């Protein structure tokens, strides 16, 4: 399978069972707790791929100061790790196994109210790809 085709397949699978790699929080200014807490909830949406849109659901929780989450979809559930919320920026990581190969996925979002817009990216066989995705909150904390 060509790297681009493999990555497209991975993104399709990851759209329903994937996660994002964390970004370091912005330490240049303090972020209000209310803005950070706004990422908690259940979010639904889709990722746009060369093979069409794939639906997904993300659940983000906060326990004390640590964020956790899962991404679910047609192919199952995948745990999010290193979930970071820094003001309106949200990011997380996931590892997906595709045909015996571990693929690291990176999700980055900008949160505006009940919408998170961003992308999922990965590097497969030396080829980097990124696909847009939008999530809308359906359940608030």
N, C-alpha and C. Protein backbone atom coordinates (compact mmCIF):
# COMPACT_ATOMS: atom_id res chain seq x y z
N UNK A 1 0.85 -1.18 0.00
CA UNK A 1 0.00 0.00 0.00
C UNK A 1 0.88 1.23 0.00
N UNK A 2 0.59 2.22 -0.85
CA UNK A 2 1.38 3.44 -0.92
C UNK A 2 1.23 4.22 0.38
N UNK A 3 2.28 4.99 0.79
CA UNK A 3 2.21 5.76 2.03
C UNK A 3 0.98 6.67 2.09
N UNK A 4 0.62 7.35 0.99
CA UNK A 4 -0.53 8.27 1.02
C UNK A 4 -1.81 7.47 1.23
N UNK A 5 -1.95 6.34 0.57
CA UNK A 5 -3.14 5.51 0.72
C UNK A 5 -3.21 4.94 2.13
N UNK A 6 -2.07 4.51 2.65
CA UNK A 6 -2.03 3.99 4.00
C UNK A 6 -2.40 5.07 4.99
N UNK A 7 -1.88 6.28 4.81
CA UNK A 7 -2.20 7.36 5.73
C UNK A 7 -3.67 7.72 5.65
N UNK A 8 -4.24 7.74 4.47
CA UNK A 8 -5.67 8.04 4.33
C UNK A 8 -6.49 7.00 5.08
N UNK A 9 -6.10 5.74 4.96
CA UNK A 9 -6.80 4.68 5.68
C UNK A 9 -6.63 4.85 7.18
N UNK A 10 -5.45 5.23 7.60
CA UNK A 10 -5.19 5.43 9.02
C UNK A 10 -6.04 6.57 9.56
N UNK A 11 -6.10 7.65 8.81
CA UNK A 11 -6.89 8.79 9.27
C UNK A 11 -8.36 8.42 9.34
N UNK A 12 -8.83 7.62 8.39
CA UNK A 12 -10.21 7.19 8.44
C UNK A 12 -10.47 6.39 9.71
N UNK A 13 -9.58 5.48 10.02
CA UNK A 13 -9.72 4.69 11.25
C UNK A 13 -9.55 5.58 12.46
N UNK A 14 -8.58 6.47 12.41
CA UNK A 14 -8.32 7.33 13.56
C UNK A 14 -9.44 8.31 13.79
N UNK A 15 -10.18 8.65 12.76
CA UNK A 15 -11.30 9.58 12.92
C UNK A 15 -12.31 9.01 13.88
N UNK A 16 -12.36 7.72 13.93
CA UNK A 16 -13.33 7.09 14.80
C UNK A 16 -12.69 6.51 16.05
N UNK A 17 -11.40 6.39 16.07
CA UNK A 17 -10.75 5.82 17.23
C UNK A 17 -9.35 6.38 17.36
N UNK A 18 -9.23 7.69 17.63
CA UNK A 18 -7.91 8.25 17.69
C UNK A 18 -7.76 9.34 18.71
N UNK A 19 -6.56 9.95 18.75
CA UNK A 19 -6.27 10.95 19.73
C UNK A 19 -5.23 11.93 19.27
N UNK A 20 -4.91 12.91 20.12
CA UNK A 20 -4.00 13.98 19.76
C UNK A 20 -2.81 14.05 20.67
N UNK A 21 -1.71 14.52 20.14
CA UNK A 21 -0.49 14.67 20.91
C UNK A 21 -0.51 16.03 21.57
N UNK A 22 -0.07 16.10 22.81
CA UNK A 22 -0.18 17.33 23.58
C UNK A 22 0.81 18.38 23.15
N UNK A 23 0.40 19.63 23.29
CA UNK A 23 1.24 20.78 23.08
C UNK A 23 1.60 21.34 24.44
N UNK A 24 2.76 21.95 24.55
CA UNK A 24 3.12 22.60 25.80
C UNK A 24 2.20 23.80 26.00
N UNK A 25 1.69 23.98 27.23
CA UNK A 25 0.81 25.11 27.48
C UNK A 25 1.55 26.44 27.33
N UNK A 26 0.80 27.46 26.97
CA UNK A 26 1.35 28.81 26.85
C UNK A 26 1.61 29.35 28.25
N UNK A 27 2.88 29.51 28.59
CA UNK A 27 3.23 29.98 29.94
C UNK A 27 3.46 31.48 29.98
N UNK A 28 3.25 32.17 28.86
CA UNK A 28 3.49 33.61 28.83
C UNK A 28 2.38 34.39 29.51
N UNK A 29 1.21 33.81 29.63
CA UNK A 29 0.13 34.47 30.36
C UNK A 29 -0.73 33.41 31.03
N UNK A 30 -1.30 33.78 32.15
CA UNK A 30 -2.12 32.81 32.87
C UNK A 30 -3.48 32.67 32.19
N UNK A 31 -4.02 31.46 32.23
CA UNK A 31 -5.30 31.18 31.62
C UNK A 31 -6.34 31.02 32.71
N UNK A 32 -7.51 31.61 32.56
CA UNK A 32 -8.54 31.46 33.57
C UNK A 32 -9.04 30.03 33.63
N UNK A 33 -9.33 29.54 34.84
CA UNK A 33 -9.79 28.17 35.03
C UNK A 33 -11.07 27.91 34.26
N UNK A 34 -11.97 28.87 34.19
CA UNK A 34 -13.23 28.67 33.49
C UNK A 34 -12.99 28.37 32.01
N UNK A 35 -12.03 29.03 31.37
CA UNK A 35 -11.74 28.78 29.97
C UNK A 35 -11.20 27.38 29.78
N UNK A 36 -10.33 26.93 30.67
CA UNK A 36 -9.77 25.60 30.56
C UNK A 36 -10.85 24.54 30.78
N UNK A 37 -11.73 24.74 31.75
CA UNK A 37 -12.76 23.76 32.07
C UNK A 37 -13.76 23.61 30.93
N UNK A 38 -13.85 24.60 30.04
CA UNK A 38 -14.84 24.55 28.98
C UNK A 38 -14.58 23.44 27.97
N UNK A 39 -13.42 22.82 27.97
CA UNK A 39 -13.14 21.72 27.04
C UNK A 39 -13.78 20.42 27.50
N UNK A 40 -14.18 20.34 28.76
CA UNK A 40 -14.77 19.12 29.30
C UNK A 40 -16.15 18.91 28.69
N UNK A 41 -16.43 17.68 28.29
CA UNK A 41 -17.74 17.35 27.74
C UNK A 41 -17.65 16.30 26.65
N UNK A 42 -18.77 16.10 25.98
CA UNK A 42 -18.85 15.16 24.86
C UNK A 42 -18.98 15.97 23.59
N UNK A 43 -18.15 15.66 22.62
CA UNK A 43 -18.06 16.40 21.36
C UNK A 43 -18.27 15.44 20.20
N UNK A 44 -19.04 15.84 19.20
CA UNK A 44 -19.21 15.02 18.00
C UNK A 44 -18.85 15.83 16.77
N UNK A 45 -18.49 15.14 15.72
CA UNK A 45 -18.14 15.83 14.49
C UNK A 45 -17.58 14.88 13.48
N UNK A 46 -16.75 15.42 12.58
CA UNK A 46 -16.18 14.59 11.54
C UNK A 46 -14.83 15.12 11.09
N UNK A 47 -14.05 14.21 10.54
CA UNK A 47 -12.76 14.54 9.96
C UNK A 47 -12.91 14.40 8.45
N UNK A 48 -12.39 15.36 7.72
CA UNK A 48 -12.47 15.34 6.25
C UNK A 48 -11.21 14.64 5.71
N UNK A 49 -11.42 13.58 4.94
CA UNK A 49 -10.31 12.82 4.37
C UNK A 49 -10.48 12.74 2.86
N UNK A 50 -9.46 12.27 2.15
CA UNK A 50 -9.60 12.08 0.71
C UNK A 50 -10.72 11.10 0.35
N UNK A 51 -11.08 10.23 1.30
CA UNK A 51 -12.14 9.25 1.06
C UNK A 51 -13.49 9.71 1.60
N UNK A 52 -13.61 10.98 1.99
CA UNK A 52 -14.87 11.50 2.51
C UNK A 52 -14.82 11.77 4.01
N UNK A 53 -15.92 12.26 4.53
CA UNK A 53 -16.02 12.60 5.95
C UNK A 53 -16.26 11.35 6.79
N UNK A 54 -15.60 11.29 7.95
CA UNK A 54 -15.78 10.19 8.89
C UNK A 54 -16.24 10.77 10.22
N UNK A 55 -17.34 10.25 10.76
CA UNK A 55 -17.87 10.77 12.02
C UNK A 55 -17.06 10.25 13.20
N UNK A 56 -17.08 11.03 14.28
CA UNK A 56 -16.33 10.67 15.49
C UNK A 56 -16.97 11.34 16.70
N UNK A 57 -16.65 10.80 17.87
CA UNK A 57 -17.09 11.38 19.13
C UNK A 57 -15.90 11.42 20.07
N UNK A 58 -15.69 12.56 20.71
CA UNK A 58 -14.63 12.71 21.71
C UNK A 58 -15.28 13.00 23.06
N UNK A 59 -14.76 12.37 24.10
CA UNK A 59 -15.21 12.65 25.46
C UNK A 59 -13.99 13.12 26.23
N UNK A 60 -14.06 14.33 26.76
CA UNK A 60 -12.95 14.92 27.50
C UNK A 60 -13.39 15.12 28.94
N UNK A 61 -12.56 14.65 29.87
CA UNK A 61 -12.83 14.76 31.30
C UNK A 61 -11.66 15.43 31.99
N UNK A 62 -11.92 15.94 33.20
CA UNK A 62 -10.85 16.52 34.00
C UNK A 62 -10.95 15.98 35.41
N UNK A 63 -9.84 15.44 35.91
CA UNK A 63 -9.75 14.93 37.27
C UNK A 63 -8.68 15.76 37.97
N UNK A 64 -9.05 16.63 38.87
CA UNK A 64 -8.14 17.58 39.51
C UNK A 64 -7.52 18.48 38.44
N UNK A 65 -6.25 18.25 38.12
CA UNK A 65 -5.57 19.08 37.12
C UNK A 65 -5.24 18.33 35.84
N UNK A 66 -5.65 17.07 35.75
CA UNK A 66 -5.31 16.23 34.59
C UNK A 66 -6.51 16.00 33.70
N UNK A 67 -6.31 16.24 32.40
CA UNK A 67 -7.34 15.96 31.42
C UNK A 67 -7.12 14.57 30.84
N UNK A 68 -8.21 13.87 30.57
CA UNK A 68 -8.16 12.57 29.92
C UNK A 68 -9.26 12.55 28.85
N UNK A 69 -9.25 11.54 28.02
CA UNK A 69 -10.30 11.45 27.03
C UNK A 69 -10.24 10.19 26.21
N UNK A 70 -11.29 9.99 25.45
CA UNK A 70 -11.38 8.89 24.50
C UNK A 70 -11.99 9.43 23.20
N UNK A 71 -11.64 8.78 22.11
CA UNK A 71 -12.20 9.09 20.81
C UNK A 71 -12.86 7.80 20.33
N UNK A 72 -14.11 7.89 19.88
CA UNK A 72 -14.81 6.70 19.41
C UNK A 72 -15.39 6.94 18.02
N UNK A 73 -15.65 5.83 17.36
CA UNK A 73 -16.25 5.91 16.03
C UNK A 73 -16.58 4.54 15.52
N UNK A 74 -16.68 4.45 14.22
CA UNK A 74 -17.11 3.20 13.58
C UNK A 74 -16.20 2.01 13.87
N UNK A 75 -14.93 2.25 14.11
CA UNK A 75 -14.01 1.13 14.32
C UNK A 75 -13.66 0.89 15.78
N UNK A 76 -14.27 1.62 16.69
CA UNK A 76 -14.02 1.37 18.10
C UNK A 76 -13.61 2.61 18.87
N UNK A 77 -12.89 2.36 19.94
CA UNK A 77 -12.52 3.42 20.88
C UNK A 77 -11.01 3.46 21.07
N UNK A 78 -10.46 4.66 21.19
CA UNK A 78 -9.04 4.84 21.42
C UNK A 78 -8.84 5.87 22.52
N UNK A 79 -7.94 5.57 23.43
CA UNK A 79 -7.68 6.47 24.55
C UNK A 79 -6.81 7.65 24.11
N UNK A 80 -7.20 8.84 24.56
CA UNK A 80 -6.41 10.04 24.34
C UNK A 80 -5.39 10.16 25.47
N UNK A 81 -4.22 10.65 25.17
CA UNK A 81 -3.22 10.88 26.20
C UNK A 81 -2.63 12.27 26.04
N UNK A 82 -1.97 12.73 27.09
CA UNK A 82 -1.36 14.06 27.08
C UNK A 82 -2.34 15.12 26.60
N UNK A 83 -3.57 15.04 27.07
CA UNK A 83 -4.59 16.03 26.70
C UNK A 83 -4.21 17.35 27.38
N UNK A 84 -4.07 18.39 26.59
CA UNK A 84 -3.67 19.70 27.10
C UNK A 84 -4.71 20.74 26.71
N UNK A 85 -5.09 21.55 27.68
CA UNK A 85 -6.00 22.67 27.43
C UNK A 85 -5.28 23.92 27.91
N UNK A 86 -5.05 24.85 27.01
CA UNK A 86 -4.37 26.11 27.33
C UNK A 86 -5.19 27.24 26.73
N UNK A 87 -6.09 27.79 27.53
CA UNK A 87 -6.99 28.81 27.02
C UNK A 87 -7.91 28.19 26.00
N UNK A 88 -7.90 28.71 24.77
CA UNK A 88 -8.77 28.18 23.72
C UNK A 88 -8.10 27.08 22.90
N UNK A 89 -6.86 26.74 23.21
CA UNK A 89 -6.15 25.70 22.46
C UNK A 89 -6.26 24.36 23.20
N UNK A 90 -6.63 23.34 22.45
CA UNK A 90 -6.78 21.99 22.98
C UNK A 90 -5.97 21.06 22.08
N UNK A 91 -5.20 20.17 22.69
CA UNK A 91 -4.44 19.20 21.90
C UNK A 91 -4.38 17.88 22.65
N UNK A 92 -4.11 16.81 21.91
CA UNK A 92 -4.02 15.48 22.53
C UNK A 92 -3.30 14.55 21.57
N UNK A 93 -2.85 13.43 22.10
CA UNK A 93 -2.14 12.45 21.29
C UNK A 93 -2.81 11.09 21.35
N UNK A 94 -2.50 10.27 20.37
CA UNK A 94 -2.99 8.90 20.35
C UNK A 94 -2.05 8.04 19.53
N UNK A 95 -2.05 6.78 19.87
CA UNK A 95 -1.29 5.82 19.08
C UNK A 95 -2.28 4.82 18.51
N UNK A 96 -2.21 4.64 17.21
CA UNK A 96 -3.10 3.73 16.53
C UNK A 96 -2.26 2.64 15.87
N UNK A 97 -2.73 1.41 15.95
CA UNK A 97 -2.06 0.31 15.26
C UNK A 97 -2.79 0.04 13.96
N UNK A 98 -2.05 0.09 12.86
CA UNK A 98 -2.62 -0.14 11.54
C UNK A 98 -1.74 -1.14 10.81
N UNK A 99 -2.28 -2.27 10.53
CA UNK A 99 -1.56 -3.34 9.84
C UNK A 99 -0.23 -3.64 10.52
N UNK A 100 -0.26 -3.70 11.87
CA UNK A 100 0.93 -4.04 12.65
C UNK A 100 1.90 -2.89 12.85
N UNK A 101 1.54 -1.69 12.42
CA UNK A 101 2.41 -0.53 12.56
C UNK A 101 1.77 0.47 13.51
N UNK A 102 2.55 0.94 14.49
CA UNK A 102 2.07 1.96 15.41
C UNK A 102 2.17 3.32 14.74
N UNK A 103 1.06 4.04 14.70
CA UNK A 103 1.00 5.36 14.08
C UNK A 103 0.66 6.38 15.15
N UNK A 104 1.51 7.38 15.30
CA UNK A 104 1.25 8.46 16.26
C UNK A 104 0.39 9.52 15.58
N UNK A 105 -0.69 9.88 16.24
CA UNK A 105 -1.60 10.90 15.72
C UNK A 105 -1.49 12.14 16.59
N UNK A 106 -1.68 13.30 16.00
CA UNK A 106 -1.59 14.58 16.68
C UNK A 106 -2.85 15.37 16.37
N UNK A 107 -3.61 15.73 17.40
CA UNK A 107 -4.80 16.54 17.24
C UNK A 107 -4.55 17.92 17.81
N UNK A 108 -4.95 18.94 17.07
CA UNK A 108 -4.84 20.32 17.54
C UNK A 108 -6.15 21.03 17.22
N UNK A 109 -6.70 21.72 18.22
CA UNK A 109 -7.98 22.42 18.06
C UNK A 109 -7.88 23.84 18.59
N UNK A 110 -8.74 24.70 18.08
CA UNK A 110 -9.01 26.00 18.67
C UNK A 110 -10.49 25.95 19.05
N UNK A 111 -10.76 26.21 20.33
CA UNK A 111 -12.10 26.11 20.87
C UNK A 111 -12.75 27.49 20.90
N UNK A 112 -13.93 27.58 20.33
CA UNK A 112 -14.74 28.79 20.36
C UNK A 112 -16.13 28.38 20.81
N UNK A 113 -16.46 28.67 22.07
CA UNK A 113 -17.76 28.27 22.60
C UNK A 113 -17.91 26.76 22.58
N UNK A 114 -18.94 26.29 21.87
CA UNK A 114 -19.21 24.85 21.79
C UNK A 114 -18.69 24.21 20.51
N UNK A 115 -17.68 24.84 19.89
CA UNK A 115 -17.08 24.29 18.67
C UNK A 115 -15.56 24.23 18.82
N UNK A 116 -14.99 23.09 18.45
CA UNK A 116 -13.53 22.94 18.37
C UNK A 116 -13.20 22.65 16.91
N UNK A 117 -12.40 23.53 16.31
CA UNK A 117 -11.97 23.36 14.92
C UNK A 117 -10.48 23.10 14.92
N UNK A 118 -10.04 22.18 14.08
CA UNK A 118 -8.62 21.89 14.03
C UNK A 118 -8.27 20.85 13.01
N UNK A 119 -7.27 20.03 13.38
CA UNK A 119 -6.79 19.02 12.44
C UNK A 119 -6.21 17.83 13.18
N UNK A 120 -6.09 16.74 12.44
CA UNK A 120 -5.38 15.56 12.90
C UNK A 120 -4.25 15.33 11.91
N UNK A 121 -3.06 15.07 12.42
CA UNK A 121 -1.93 14.85 11.53
C UNK A 121 -1.17 13.60 11.95
N UNK A 122 -0.44 13.06 11.00
CA UNK A 122 0.37 11.86 11.23
C UNK A 122 1.49 11.83 10.21
N UNK A 123 2.48 11.01 10.49
CA UNK A 123 3.59 10.80 9.58
C UNK A 123 3.65 9.30 9.32
N UNK A 124 3.48 8.91 8.07
CA UNK A 124 3.49 7.49 7.72
C UNK A 124 4.50 7.30 6.60
N UNK A 125 5.47 6.46 6.85
CA UNK A 125 6.47 6.17 5.83
C UNK A 125 7.20 7.41 5.35
N UNK A 126 7.40 8.38 6.25
CA UNK A 126 8.09 9.61 5.89
C UNK A 126 7.21 10.65 5.23
N UNK A 127 5.94 10.34 5.04
CA UNK A 127 5.02 11.29 4.43
C UNK A 127 4.09 11.87 5.50
N UNK A 128 4.14 13.19 5.66
CA UNK A 128 3.28 13.88 6.64
C UNK A 128 1.98 14.27 5.97
N UNK A 129 0.90 14.05 6.71
CA UNK A 129 -0.42 14.44 6.22
C UNK A 129 -1.22 15.04 7.35
N UNK A 130 -2.14 15.92 6.99
CA UNK A 130 -3.00 16.56 7.97
C UNK A 130 -4.40 16.68 7.37
N UNK A 131 -5.41 16.44 8.19
CA UNK A 131 -6.79 16.50 7.73
C UNK A 131 -7.61 17.36 8.69
N UNK A 132 -8.49 18.22 8.15
CA UNK A 132 -9.29 19.09 9.00
C UNK A 132 -10.40 18.33 9.71
N UNK A 133 -10.73 18.78 10.92
CA UNK A 133 -11.86 18.23 11.62
C UNK A 133 -12.50 19.28 12.50
N UNK A 134 -13.80 19.15 12.70
CA UNK A 134 -14.57 20.07 13.53
C UNK A 134 -15.43 19.24 14.47
N UNK A 135 -15.42 19.61 15.75
CA UNK A 135 -16.23 18.95 16.77
C UNK A 135 -17.17 19.97 17.40
N UNK A 136 -18.39 19.54 17.72
CA UNK A 136 -19.37 20.38 18.38
C UNK A 136 -19.77 19.71 19.69
N UNK A 137 -19.81 20.50 20.77
CA UNK A 137 -20.17 19.93 22.08
C UNK A 137 -21.66 19.58 22.08
N UNK A 138 -21.96 18.33 22.49
CA UNK A 138 -23.34 17.87 22.60
C UNK A 138 -23.75 17.65 24.04
N UNK A 139 -22.76 17.47 24.92
CA UNK A 139 -23.02 17.31 26.35
C UNK A 139 -21.99 18.12 27.10
N UNK A 140 -22.44 19.06 27.92
CA UNK A 140 -21.54 19.87 28.75
C UNK A 140 -21.40 19.19 30.10
N UNK A 141 -20.34 19.55 30.83
CA UNK A 141 -20.11 18.92 32.14
C UNK A 141 -21.23 19.22 33.13
